[in-house]
Protein backbone atom coordinates (compact mmCIF):
# COMPACT_ATOMS: atom_id res chain seq x y z
CA MET A 1 0.01 0.13 0.01
CA GLY A 2 2.74 2.37 0.79
CA ASN A 3 2.49 5.63 2.42
CA ILE A 4 -0.88 7.02 3.90
CA ILE A 5 -1.22 10.74 3.30
CA ARG A 6 -3.46 12.73 5.56
CA PHE A 7 -5.72 15.15 3.91
CA SER A 8 -7.31 18.19 5.23
CA PRO A 9 -9.56 20.33 3.26
CA PHE A 10 -8.47 23.44 5.12
CA GLN A 11 -4.85 22.76 3.69
CA ALA A 12 -5.76 22.04 0.21
CA GLU A 13 -2.87 24.31 -1.02
CA ARG A 14 -0.36 21.65 0.15
CA PHE A 15 -2.08 18.76 -1.51
CA SER A 16 -1.75 18.44 -5.33
CA PRO A 17 -3.23 15.46 -6.85
CA PHE A 18 -0.98 15.83 -9.77
CA GLN A 19 2.12 15.72 -7.54
CA GLU A 20 0.74 12.67 -5.67
CA MET A 21 0.06 10.81 -8.99
CA GLU A 22 3.59 11.58 -10.20
CA ARG A 23 5.09 10.27 -7.01
CA MET A 24 3.03 7.07 -7.19
CA LEU A 25 4.03 6.56 -10.94
CA ARG A 26 7.81 7.25 -10.09
CA ASP A 27 7.62 4.68 -7.01
CA MET A 28 5.91 2.06 -9.42
CA ASP A 29 8.61 2.67 -12.10
CA LEU A 30 11.41 2.05 -9.51
CA ARG A 31 9.75 -1.21 -8.29
CA MET A 32 9.37 -2.42 -11.96
CA ARG A 33 12.96 -1.61 -12.61
CA SER A 34 14.18 -3.50 -9.50
CA VAL A 35 12.03 -6.63 -10.59
CA MET A 36 12.84 -6.58 -14.41
CA GLY A 37 16.49 -5.44 -14.16
CA ASP A 38 18.15 -4.96 -17.66
CA ALA A 39 15.37 -6.88 -19.40
CA GLU A 40 12.92 -4.09 -19.23
CA SER A 41 15.12 -1.81 -21.22
CA PHE A 42 15.57 -4.47 -23.95
CA SER A 43 13.19 -3.94 -26.93
CA GLY A 44 14.12 -6.96 -29.01
CA ILE A 45 15.64 -7.40 -32.51
CA ARG A 46 13.69 -5.18 -34.89
CA LEU A 47 12.93 -6.69 -38.36
CA ASP A 48 11.82 -5.56 -41.85
CA VAL A 49 10.71 -8.38 -44.13
CA THR A 50 10.09 -8.07 -47.72
CA GLU A 51 9.41 -10.46 -50.46
CA ASP A 52 9.22 -10.99 -54.23
CA GLU A 53 8.38 -13.90 -56.31
CA LYS A 54 11.63 -15.63 -55.68
CA ALA A 55 12.86 -14.76 -52.09
CA TYR A 56 12.39 -13.03 -48.82
CA THR A 57 14.63 -10.29 -47.59
CA VAL A 58 15.01 -9.82 -43.92
CA LYS A 59 16.88 -6.74 -42.42
CA ALA A 60 17.38 -6.98 -38.66
CA ASP A 61 18.93 -4.18 -36.58
CA LEU A 62 21.74 -5.51 -34.39
CA PRO A 63 23.82 -2.42 -33.41
CA GLY A 64 26.87 -3.05 -31.57
CA VAL A 65 26.96 -6.75 -32.02
CA SER A 66 30.10 -8.49 -33.45
CA LYS A 67 29.59 -10.49 -36.68
CA ASP A 68 30.91 -13.53 -34.83
CA ASP A 69 28.17 -13.29 -32.18
CA ILE A 70 25.23 -13.68 -34.69
CA LYS A 71 23.72 -17.03 -35.34
CA VAL A 72 20.93 -17.72 -37.95
CA ALA A 73 18.96 -20.98 -38.01
CA ILE A 74 16.43 -21.86 -40.85
CA ASP A 75 14.09 -24.73 -40.42
CA GLY A 76 11.59 -25.09 -43.24
CA GLU A 77 9.65 -21.77 -43.12
CA ARG A 78 10.90 -21.02 -39.51
CA VAL A 79 13.86 -18.45 -39.21
CA SER A 80 15.66 -17.77 -35.78
CA ILE A 81 18.05 -15.10 -35.24
CA THR A 82 20.23 -15.07 -32.04
CA ALA A 83 22.91 -12.45 -31.04
CA GLU A 84 25.16 -12.11 -28.16
CA VAL A 85 25.33 -8.35 -26.86
CA LYS A 86 28.12 -7.28 -24.81
CA ARG A 87 28.25 -4.13 -22.85
CA GLU A 88 31.38 -2.29 -22.33
CA THR A 89 33.00 -2.55 -18.97
CA GLU A 90 32.59 0.37 -16.58
CA GLU A 91 35.55 2.72 -16.14
CA ARG A 92 37.43 2.70 -12.78
CA GLY A 93 36.54 5.62 -10.50
CA ARG A 94 33.26 6.20 -12.14
CA ASN A 95 29.79 5.40 -10.77
CA ALA A 96 26.94 4.42 -13.21
CA LEU A 97 24.11 6.76 -12.83
CA TYR A 98 21.83 5.33 -15.37
CA CYS A 99 22.29 2.38 -17.68
CA GLU A 100 19.88 1.43 -20.48
CA ARG A 101 22.12 -0.67 -22.73
CA PHE A 102 21.35 -4.38 -22.73
CA SER A 103 23.86 -6.97 -22.21
CA GLY A 104 23.12 -10.60 -22.97
CA GLN A 105 21.39 -12.76 -25.54
CA GLN A 106 18.83 -11.42 -27.84
CA SER A 107 16.83 -13.70 -30.10
CA ARG A 108 13.81 -13.56 -32.55
CA SER A 109 12.07 -16.24 -34.38
CA PHE A 110 9.39 -16.08 -37.00
CA SER A 111 7.67 -18.13 -39.59
CA LEU A 112 7.36 -17.17 -43.26
CA ASP A 113 4.58 -18.46 -45.60
CA THR A 114 6.99 -20.54 -47.82
CA ALA A 115 9.65 -22.97 -46.99
CA ILE A 116 13.20 -21.46 -47.35
CA ASP A 117 15.90 -23.02 -49.55
CA ASP A 118 18.50 -23.04 -46.79
CA ASN A 119 21.39 -24.12 -49.08
CA ARG A 120 21.04 -20.92 -51.14
CA ALA A 121 20.30 -18.45 -48.27
CA THR A 122 22.90 -15.67 -47.66
CA ALA A 123 23.73 -13.21 -44.72
CA LYS A 124 25.40 -9.95 -44.93
CA TYR A 125 26.21 -7.86 -41.79
CA GLU A 126 27.14 -4.09 -42.22
CA ASN A 127 26.77 -1.04 -40.03
CA GLY A 128 24.82 -2.94 -37.34
CA VAL A 129 22.27 -4.31 -39.91
CA LEU A 130 21.93 -8.02 -40.61
CA GLU A 131 20.60 -8.66 -44.27
CA LEU A 132 19.29 -12.08 -44.98
CA THR A 133 18.28 -13.20 -48.50
CA LEU A 134 16.07 -16.17 -48.18
CA PRO A 135 15.18 -17.92 -51.47
CA LYS A 136 11.91 -19.75 -51.63
CA LYS A 137 12.02 -23.48 -52.21
CA ALA A 138 10.86 -24.46 -55.62
CA GLY A 139 7.39 -25.86 -55.74
CA ALA A 140 6.42 -24.37 -52.54
CA THR A 141 3.07 -22.52 -52.14
CA THR A 142 2.50 -19.16 -50.72
CA GLN A 143 -0.11 -18.78 -47.90
CA HIS A 144 0.18 -15.11 -47.03
CA LEU A 145 1.13 -13.23 -43.80
CA LEU A 146 4.35 -13.38 -41.68
CA THR A 147 3.80 -14.89 -38.25
CA VAL A 148 6.03 -13.33 -35.41
CA HIS A 149 6.69 -15.13 -32.28
């Protein structure tokens, strides 16, 4: 429940419902941060997916990730991207006042409408963007939308 605030109608100038609401939201935010830790600042791998008659193209934002720390798995029409994100170490003699940068493993999986020819799939990583070219398997039929998990 938290703190109980006494209210007197004769001292209305001291009580501001807006200030009280702001205090409650700030307290709730601090509690959520302590429960969620770094995970609350992580928003996931952001994707753009396009297609033409022969292939899908996926662009995934992975800023600050080393090329060697990215793994892509293709299983039929399911694609999984996993990246290990490493935060720079803190400088000695300095205290961190606020940290939003995520450190750990990020992953994203999604299914496409058509099976992928994984033998012809290519990946390119440049300037923090992973670009996948995923050729459609010959003879596969297209259903329609992308399902994101």
